[in-house]
Amino acid sequence: MIGRVLLASVLALQAPLAPAVQGAAAGAAPDCNPPRGQLEVGEPWAQKRLDPKSVWSLSTGAGVPVAVIDTGVDLTHPQLRLGGKADLVGSGYRDCVGHGTAVAGIIGAQYVKGVLFHGVAPGARVLSYKFTDTEQNGDTTLLIKAIKAAADQGAKVINVSSKTLDHPALETAVRYALAKDAVIVAAAGNISRQDGTPSPAYPASYDGVLAVGAAGPEGTLAEFSNTKTPVSVIGPGQDITSTWPGGAYAKGLDGTSYAAPYVAGVAALVRARYPSLDQAQVRRRIIATADGATGAGKGAGMVNPMLAVSAILPFEPANAPVVAPPPPTPLPRSAVTKAPPVDEKAIDLAVLVAACAIGLALLVVAMRVVIPMGRRRGWRPGRPT
């Protein structure tokens, strides 16, 4: 299942987006048989951990165009609605692998009463860019075209759940999309199962890209998550549940490719809540409000939808980096004033005055008792016993 394997590259957009329609597209590949999914699922751990539904009173990502550059999206799934679609391989709009449908579901699956699974940003407008029908490596030149085309189509968030090698033209495409004010979210990549040697993944390793590593149910970094890519944040990427072709659901999906759409969904929530923020400010907000972590491959820690949308952050210049505040600087020894020596004579005098005051008070009390008694007896001595 593609859920266990991260696609190594992506294809690109060769035609403008067409209006979304329901139902299978004409001209679909005759051998389009994705793995069978399940009809019902419980509430996923990732959904419980991030709890995006609690954010919907503030933002659902309404109207934010999110480009999913992947294997297409199943148009018959009842929880998926597309704002546009493009077939780049000439096989129709169906998702013959399942990967793109799962990614799109994590981002924007609609909330349906009685169904325990839903997307992070159900109000987002998902744009599907179908780039492959197989798990084979794609062409880097097509990925370059896809990123540029998504930016030209006005995508405010671009999700790339795949990786490829560094290429100058690819970096140029990333710069182009960033200049068009698109938040680019990319998977940090999985450690190769062949030799187990991690290497930086692209476009995730380019400056300005939100690179996403994968976490497991305990919140720790997944063993397969690439630590050579400079990760910005981590998201749920192990034992993932999402939508699947045929109106079904898939369980047990693994990969940083499934962590990336969780962050892309949060980016849509932020962009809808703060439309005046540019892509760099959105990226910094997501990093600054993550749960915090230490160690390679973890970045700023687990993405936090509620804090990303609701946190009040101090003003930052447009290009200010997001860094933790420095620890307080210790004062120099010369700045520490010594306490004055204790005045023993003053203490003795204070004790003496206090004792005299107490003695005088006792004498007054005694006189108030003795004098009335003496007057009543005419000051005669008492009779001996």
Protein backbone atom coordinates (compact mmCIF):
# COMPACT_ATOMS: atom_id res chain seq x y z
CA MET A 1 0.00 0.00 0.00
CA ILE A 2 1.26 3.46 -0.84
CA GLY A 3 0.52 4.31 2.79
CA ARG A 4 3.75 2.53 3.71
CA VAL A 5 5.83 4.17 1.03
CA LEU A 6 6.60 7.86 0.45
CA LEU A 7 6.46 8.81 -3.24
CA ALA A 8 9.90 9.87 -4.38
CA SER A 9 8.82 12.67 -6.72
CA VAL A 10 5.81 14.38 -8.25
CA LEU A 11 4.42 15.34 -11.64
CA ALA A 12 3.12 18.71 -12.67
CA LEU A 13 0.20 20.71 -13.90
CA GLN A 14 -0.16 20.75 -17.70
CA ALA A 15 -3.72 22.12 -17.95
CA PRO A 16 -5.76 24.73 -16.07
CA LEU A 17 -7.95 23.56 -13.20
CA ALA A 18 -11.44 22.48 -14.23
CA PRO A 19 -14.56 22.86 -12.09
CA ALA A 20 -14.95 19.99 -9.65
CA VAL A 21 -17.60 17.38 -10.42
CA GLN A 22 -18.81 14.31 -8.60
CA GLY A 23 -18.43 10.85 -10.05
CA ALA A 24 -15.69 9.02 -11.94
CA ALA A 25 -14.11 10.94 -14.79
CA ALA A 26 -14.26 9.78 -18.38
CA GLY A 27 -11.08 8.30 -19.73
CA ALA A 28 -9.96 6.80 -16.42
CA ALA A 29 -7.21 4.24 -16.56
CA PRO A 30 -8.72 0.80 -17.27
CA ASP A 31 -6.51 -0.85 -14.65
CA CYS A 32 -7.26 1.68 -11.92
CA ASN A 33 -7.67 -0.62 -8.94
CA PRO A 34 -6.51 0.96 -5.68
CA PRO A 35 -6.29 -1.27 -2.60
CA ARG A 36 -9.62 -1.87 -0.92
CA GLY A 37 -10.39 0.26 2.12
CA GLN A 38 -12.79 -0.03 5.07
CA LEU A 39 -16.30 1.34 5.25
CA GLU A 40 -16.10 2.46 8.89
CA VAL A 41 -13.34 3.60 11.22
CA GLY A 42 -13.04 4.83 14.79
CA GLU A 43 -11.70 8.23 15.78
CA PRO A 44 -7.98 8.35 14.85
CA TRP A 45 -5.38 9.08 17.51
CA ALA A 46 -4.04 11.95 15.44
CA GLN A 47 -7.44 13.62 15.44
CA LYS A 48 -7.73 13.23 19.21
CA ARG A 49 -4.22 14.64 19.71
CA LEU A 50 -4.61 17.75 17.54
CA ASP A 51 -8.37 18.22 18.13
CA PRO A 52 -8.92 20.50 15.11
CA LYS A 53 -12.68 20.55 15.71
CA SER A 54 -12.10 22.71 18.80
CA VAL A 55 -10.63 25.38 16.52
CA TRP A 56 -13.58 25.58 14.12
CA SER A 57 -15.34 28.25 16.17
CA LEU A 58 -12.39 30.48 15.21
CA SER A 59 -11.50 29.14 11.77
CA THR A 60 -12.39 26.28 9.42
CA GLY A 61 -10.00 27.42 6.71
CA ALA A 62 -12.99 28.78 4.82
CA GLY A 63 -12.23 29.65 1.21
CA VAL A 64 -8.46 29.09 1.42
CA PRO A 65 -7.23 27.36 -1.78
CA VAL A 66 -5.02 24.40 -0.87
CA ALA A 67 -3.19 22.64 -3.71
CA VAL A 68 -2.68 18.90 -3.29
CA ILE A 69 0.06 17.83 -5.72
CA ASP A 70 -0.40 14.07 -5.56
CA THR A 71 -2.04 11.03 -7.19
CA GLY A 72 -5.44 12.65 -7.66
CA VAL A 73 -8.49 12.60 -5.41
CA ASP A 74 -11.43 10.19 -5.41
CA LEU A 75 -14.39 12.34 -6.48
CA THR A 76 -16.98 9.87 -5.25
CA HIS A 77 -16.03 10.01 -1.59
CA PRO A 78 -18.89 11.61 0.38
CA GLN A 79 -16.54 13.64 2.60
CA LEU A 80 -14.46 15.17 -0.17
CA ARG A 81 -15.30 18.32 -2.14
CA LEU A 82 -12.92 19.79 -4.68
CA GLY A 83 -12.60 23.39 -5.72
CA GLY A 84 -10.74 22.36 -8.86
CA LYS A 85 -8.88 19.46 -10.43
CA ALA A 86 -6.33 18.74 -13.14
CA ASP A 87 -5.38 15.46 -14.80
CA LEU A 88 -1.72 15.64 -15.70
CA VAL A 89 -1.21 12.07 -16.91
CA GLY A 90 -4.20 11.66 -19.24
CA SER A 91 -5.82 8.83 -17.31
CA GLY A 92 -8.79 10.70 -15.86
CA TYR A 93 -9.38 12.22 -12.47
CA ARG A 94 -9.61 9.02 -10.45
CA ASP A 95 -7.06 8.25 -7.77
CA CYS A 96 -5.66 4.89 -8.79
CA VAL A 97 -3.24 4.69 -5.87
CA GLY A 98 -5.08 6.13 -2.87
CA HIS A 99 -2.32 8.41 -1.62
CA GLY A 100 -3.79 11.67 -2.91
CA THR A 101 -7.24 10.85 -1.56
CA ALA A 102 -5.76 10.23 1.89
CA VAL A 103 -3.77 13.47 1.82
CA ALA A 104 -6.80 15.49 0.68
CA GLY A 105 -8.93 13.92 3.42
CA ILE A 106 -6.48 14.86 6.16
CA ILE A 107 -6.57 18.45 4.96
CA GLY A 108 -10.22 19.04 4.17
CA ALA A 109 -12.56 16.07 4.68
CA GLN A 110 -16.01 17.43 5.51
CA TYR A 111 -17.54 16.93 8.92
CA VAL A 112 -20.36 14.39 8.64
CA LYS A 113 -22.57 13.59 11.60
CA GLY A 114 -22.03 10.03 12.76
CA VAL A 115 -18.65 9.73 11.01
CA LEU A 116 -15.73 9.89 13.43
CA PHE A 117 -13.14 11.01 10.88
CA HIS A 118 -12.89 14.57 9.56
CA GLY A 119 -10.26 16.87 8.09
CA VAL A 120 -8.29 19.61 9.80
CA ALA A 121 -9.75 22.44 7.71
CA PRO A 122 -13.10 21.37 6.22
CA GLY A 123 -13.73 24.88 4.92
CA ALA A 124 -10.62 24.89 2.73
CA ARG A 125 -10.97 24.73 -1.06
CA VAL A 126 -8.93 21.69 -2.11
CA LEU A 127 -7.37 21.78 -5.58
CA SER A 128 -6.27 18.39 -6.90
CA TYR A 129 -3.24 18.15 -9.18
CA LYS A 130 -2.98 14.53 -10.33
CA PHE A 131 0.61 13.71 -11.21
CA THR A 132 0.97 9.92 -11.27
CA ASP A 133 -0.95 6.66 -11.37
CA THR A 134 1.81 4.56 -9.82
CA GLU A 135 4.31 4.51 -7.02
CA GLN A 136 7.18 5.03 -9.47
CA ASN A 137 9.41 8.07 -9.29
CA GLY A 138 8.12 11.08 -11.15
CA ASP A 139 9.93 13.64 -13.22
CA THR A 140 11.49 16.55 -11.34
CA THR A 141 10.78 18.87 -14.25
CA LEU A 142 7.07 18.09 -13.88
CA LEU A 143 7.23 18.87 -10.17
CA ILE A 144 8.72 22.24 -11.04
CA LYS A 145 5.84 22.97 -13.41
CA ALA A 146 3.29 21.84 -10.83
CA ILE A 147 4.56 24.18 -8.13
CA LYS A 148 4.61 27.15 -10.52
CA ALA A 149 1.14 26.34 -11.88
CA ALA A 150 -0.35 25.98 -8.39
CA ALA A 151 1.06 29.38 -7.47
CA ASP A 152 -0.33 30.90 -10.66
CA GLN A 153 -3.76 29.43 -9.88
CA GLY A 154 -3.75 31.37 -6.59
CA ALA A 155 -3.11 28.51 -4.15
CA LYS A 156 -2.43 29.97 -0.70
CA VAL A 157 -1.15 26.62 0.60
CA ILE A 158 0.71 24.04 -1.49
CA ASN A 159 1.08 20.52 -0.08
CA VAL A 160 3.90 18.39 -1.52
CA SER A 161 3.75 14.96 0.13
CA SER A 162 6.74 13.62 -1.77
CA LYS A 163 10.45 14.18 -2.19
CA THR A 164 13.06 14.45 -4.89
CA LEU A 165 16.69 15.51 -5.29
CA ASP A 166 18.03 19.04 -5.20
CA HIS A 167 17.75 20.90 -8.50
CA PRO A 168 18.38 24.59 -9.23
CA ALA A 169 15.19 24.88 -11.26
CA LEU A 170 13.21 23.30 -8.43
CA GLU A 171 14.55 25.86 -5.98
CA THR A 172 13.62 28.60 -8.44
CA ALA A 173 10.07 27.23 -8.59
CA VAL A 174 9.88 27.28 -4.80
CA ARG A 175 11.08 30.88 -4.72
CA TYR A 176 8.49 31.74 -7.37
CA ALA A 177 5.64 30.23 -5.33
CA LEU A 178 6.81 31.92 -2.14
CA ALA A 179 6.90 35.24 -3.96
CA LYS A 180 3.30 34.56 -5.02
CA ASP A 181 2.49 34.31 -1.27
CA ALA A 182 1.95 30.56 -1.15
CA VAL A 183 2.79 28.62 2.02
CA ILE A 184 4.67 25.53 0.84
CA VAL A 185 4.36 22.49 3.11
CA ALA A 186 6.52 19.49 2.21
CA ALA A 187 7.24 16.08 3.67
CA ALA A 188 10.68 15.70 5.23
CA GLY A 189 10.94 12.27 3.63
CA ASN A 190 11.30 8.74 4.91
CA ILE A 191 14.57 6.96 5.57
CA SER A 192 15.31 4.63 2.69
CA ARG A 193 14.29 1.05 3.40
CA GLN A 194 17.03 -0.16 1.06
CA ASP A 195 20.14 1.16 2.77
CA GLY A 196 18.71 3.03 5.75
CA THR A 197 20.86 6.09 5.01
CA PRO A 198 18.94 9.36 5.28
CA SER A 199 19.64 12.25 2.92
CA PRO A 200 18.05 15.69 2.65
CA ALA A 201 14.69 15.70 0.89
CA TYR A 202 13.61 18.41 -1.53
CA PRO A 203 11.68 20.69 -1.77
CA ALA A 204 11.42 20.32 2.03
CA SER A 205 15.05 21.32 2.55
CA TYR A 206 14.77 24.69 0.82
CA ASP A 207 14.60 27.86 2.92
CA GLY A 208 11.07 29.13 3.37
CA VAL A 209 9.44 25.70 3.12
CA LEU A 210 7.57 24.20 6.09
CA ALA A 211 9.34 20.84 6.29
CA VAL A 212 7.35 18.27 8.26
CA GLY A 213 8.60 15.21 10.09
CA ALA A 214 6.42 12.34 11.32
CA ALA A 215 5.40 11.49 14.88
CA GLY A 216 3.84 8.34 16.29
CA PRO A 217 0.90 7.91 18.69
CA GLU A 218 3.12 8.64 21.71
CA GLY A 219 4.16 11.95 20.19
CA THR A 220 7.74 10.80 19.62
CA LEU A 221 9.55 10.99 16.31
CA ALA A 222 8.76 8.02 14.06
CA GLU A 223 11.73 5.77 13.34
CA PHE A 224 11.37 6.25 9.59
CA SER A 225 11.22 10.07 9.73
CA ASN A 226 14.18 11.67 7.95
CA THR A 227 16.47 13.57 10.33
CA LYS A 228 18.74 14.97 7.61
CA THR A 229 16.06 17.31 6.32
CA PRO A 230 15.89 20.58 8.33
CA VAL A 231 12.47 19.93 9.86
CA SER A 232 10.28 22.89 10.88
CA VAL A 233 7.62 20.99 12.85
CA ILE A 234 6.34 17.44 13.18
CA GLY A 235 2.84 16.10 12.64
CA PRO A 236 1.08 12.76 13.03
CA GLY A 237 2.56 10.39 10.46
CA GLN A 238 2.38 6.88 11.89
CA ASP A 239 -0.68 4.59 12.04
CA ILE A 240 -2.75 7.22 10.24
CA THR A 241 -6.40 6.95 9.21
CA SER A 242 -7.88 8.89 6.29
CA THR A 243 -10.24 8.84 3.35
CA TRP A 244 -9.66 6.29 0.59
CA PRO A 245 -10.97 5.62 -2.94
CA GLY A 246 -14.36 3.97 -3.25
CA GLY A 247 -15.95 6.03 -0.51
CA ALA A 248 -13.91 4.09 2.05
CA TYR A 249 -11.19 4.69 4.64
CA ALA A 250 -7.66 3.39 5.15
CA LYS A 251 -5.94 2.62 8.44
CA GLY A 252 -2.32 2.04 9.38
CA LEU A 253 -0.85 4.56 6.93
CA ASP A 254 2.77 5.50 7.64
CA GLY A 255 4.96 8.26 6.27
CA THR A 256 5.96 11.87 6.51
CA SER A 257 3.72 12.30 3.46
CA TYR A 258 0.74 11.95 5.84
CA ALA A 259 2.26 14.30 8.44
CA ALA A 260 2.59 17.12 5.89
CA PRO A 261 -1.18 17.53 5.22
CA TYR A 262 -1.88 17.93 8.94
CA VAL A 263 0.39 20.98 8.87
CA ALA A 264 -1.06 22.15 5.54
CA GLY A 265 -4.51 22.02 7.13
CA VAL A 266 -3.29 24.15 10.04
CA ALA A 267 -1.81 26.61 7.54
CA ALA A 268 -5.27 26.91 5.95
CA LEU A 269 -6.82 27.58 9.38
CA VAL A 270 -4.29 30.34 10.04
CA ARG A 271 -4.67 31.94 6.60
CA ALA A 272 -8.44 32.11 7.00
CA ARG A 273 -8.15 33.56 10.52
CA TYR A 274 -5.41 36.08 9.64
CA PRO A 275 -5.84 37.00 5.96
CA SER A 276 -3.44 39.92 6.29
CA LEU A 277 -0.46 37.69 7.19
CA ASP A 278 1.91 36.80 4.36
CA GLN A 279 3.26 33.32 3.81
CA ALA A 280 6.40 33.95 5.87
CA GLN A 281 4.37 35.21 8.84
CA VAL A 282 2.03 32.20 8.62
CA ARG A 283 5.01 29.87 8.59
CA ARG A 284 6.60 31.59 11.59
CA ARG A 285 3.32 31.49 13.51
CA ILE A 286 3.00 27.73 13.01
CA ILE A 287 6.60 27.19 14.14
CA ALA A 288 6.34 29.55 17.11
CA THR A 289 3.18 27.89 18.45
CA ALA A 290 4.31 24.26 18.11
CA ASP A 291 4.52 22.20 21.30
CA GLY A 292 8.30 22.36 21.54
CA ALA A 293 10.89 19.63 21.16
CA THR A 294 14.61 18.92 21.15
CA GLY A 295 16.66 16.64 18.95
CA ALA A 296 17.28 16.17 15.24
CA GLY A 297 14.28 15.78 12.98
CA LYS A 298 11.76 17.30 15.43
CA GLY A 299 12.01 20.99 14.63
CA ALA A 300 9.85 23.06 16.97
CA GLY A 301 7.80 20.00 17.92
CA MET A 302 4.24 18.87 17.26
CA VAL A 303 2.06 21.32 15.37
CA ASN A 304 -0.64 22.86 17.59
CA PRO A 305 -3.79 23.99 15.68
CA MET A 306 -5.40 25.86 18.58
CA LEU A 307 -2.32 27.87 19.49
CA ALA A 308 -1.52 28.54 15.84
CA VAL A 309 -4.94 30.14 15.41
CA SER A 310 -5.47 31.79 18.80
CA ALA A 311 -2.05 32.70 20.24
CA ILE A 312 -1.21 36.38 20.68
CA LEU A 313 2.34 36.76 19.44
CA PRO A 314 4.60 39.81 19.81
CA PHE A 315 5.09 41.94 16.75
CA GLU A 316 7.90 40.71 14.52
CA PRO A 317 9.45 42.32 11.44
CA ALA A 318 8.57 40.56 8.23
CA ASN A 319 11.87 38.68 8.02
CA ALA A 320 12.51 38.09 11.72
CA PRO A 321 13.43 34.48 12.47
CA VAL A 322 11.40 32.49 14.96
CA VAL A 323 13.74 31.66 17.83
CA ALA A 324 13.29 30.84 21.48
CA PRO A 325 13.90 33.79 23.83
CA PRO A 326 17.44 33.75 25.26
CA PRO A 327 17.89 32.75 28.91
CA PRO A 328 18.19 35.69 31.32
CA THR A 329 21.74 37.04 31.63
CA PRO A 330 23.15 36.65 35.17
CA LEU A 331 24.10 39.90 36.93
CA PRO A 332 27.83 40.58 37.47
CA ARG A 333 29.12 40.16 41.01
CA SER A 334 29.93 43.87 41.17
CA ALA A 335 26.26 44.70 40.63
CA VAL A 336 25.15 42.75 43.69
CA THR A 337 24.89 45.10 46.75
CA LYS A 338 25.86 43.55 50.06
CA ALA A 339 23.45 43.88 52.98
CA PRO A 340 24.60 46.34 55.74
CA PRO A 341 25.96 44.77 58.99
CA VAL A 342 23.55 44.12 61.83
CA ASP A 343 23.40 46.95 64.49
CA GLU A 344 23.60 45.00 67.76
CA LYS A 345 23.28 48.14 69.97
CA ALA A 346 20.06 49.16 68.26
CA ILE A 347 18.64 45.70 68.84
CA ASP A 348 19.55 45.81 72.59
CA LEU A 349 17.98 49.25 72.97
CA ALA A 350 14.80 48.09 71.24
CA VAL A 351 14.54 45.10 73.58
CA LEU A 352 15.01 47.31 76.67
CA VAL A 353 12.33 49.79 75.55
CA ALA A 354 9.93 46.93 74.85
CA ALA A 355 10.56 45.38 78.30
CA CYS A 356 9.98 48.72 80.05
CA ALA A 357 6.76 49.24 78.15
CA ILE A 358 5.52 45.79 79.13
CA GLY A 359 6.46 46.36 82.81
CA LEU A 360 4.67 49.71 82.88
CA ALA A 361 1.57 48.15 81.37
CA LEU A 362 1.56 45.43 84.03
CA LEU A 363 1.97 48.07 86.81
CA VAL A 364 -1.05 50.03 85.51
CA VAL A 365 -3.15 46.88 85.47
CA ALA A 366 -2.14 46.03 89.04
CA MET A 367 -2.95 49.50 90.30
CA ARG A 368 -6.39 49.38 88.71
CA VAL A 369 -7.08 46.28 90.82
CA VAL A 370 -5.36 47.16 94.13
CA ILE A 371 -6.44 50.81 94.60
CA PRO A 372 -10.24 50.15 94.55
CA MET A 373 -9.80 47.30 97.05
CA GLY A 374 -7.78 49.54 99.40
CA ARG A 375 -10.39 52.28 99.31
CA ARG A 376 -13.18 49.89 100.24
CA ARG A 377 -11.22 48.73 103.36
CA GLY A 378 -10.26 52.29 104.37
CA TRP A 379 -6.67 51.29 103.78
CA ARG A 380 -6.80 49.07 106.94
CA PRO A 381 -4.51 46.05 106.91
CA GLY A 382 -6.17 42.73 106.45
CA ARG A 383 -6.80 40.46 109.38
CA PRO A 384 -4.25 37.73 109.92
CA THR A 385 -5.50 34.22 109.16
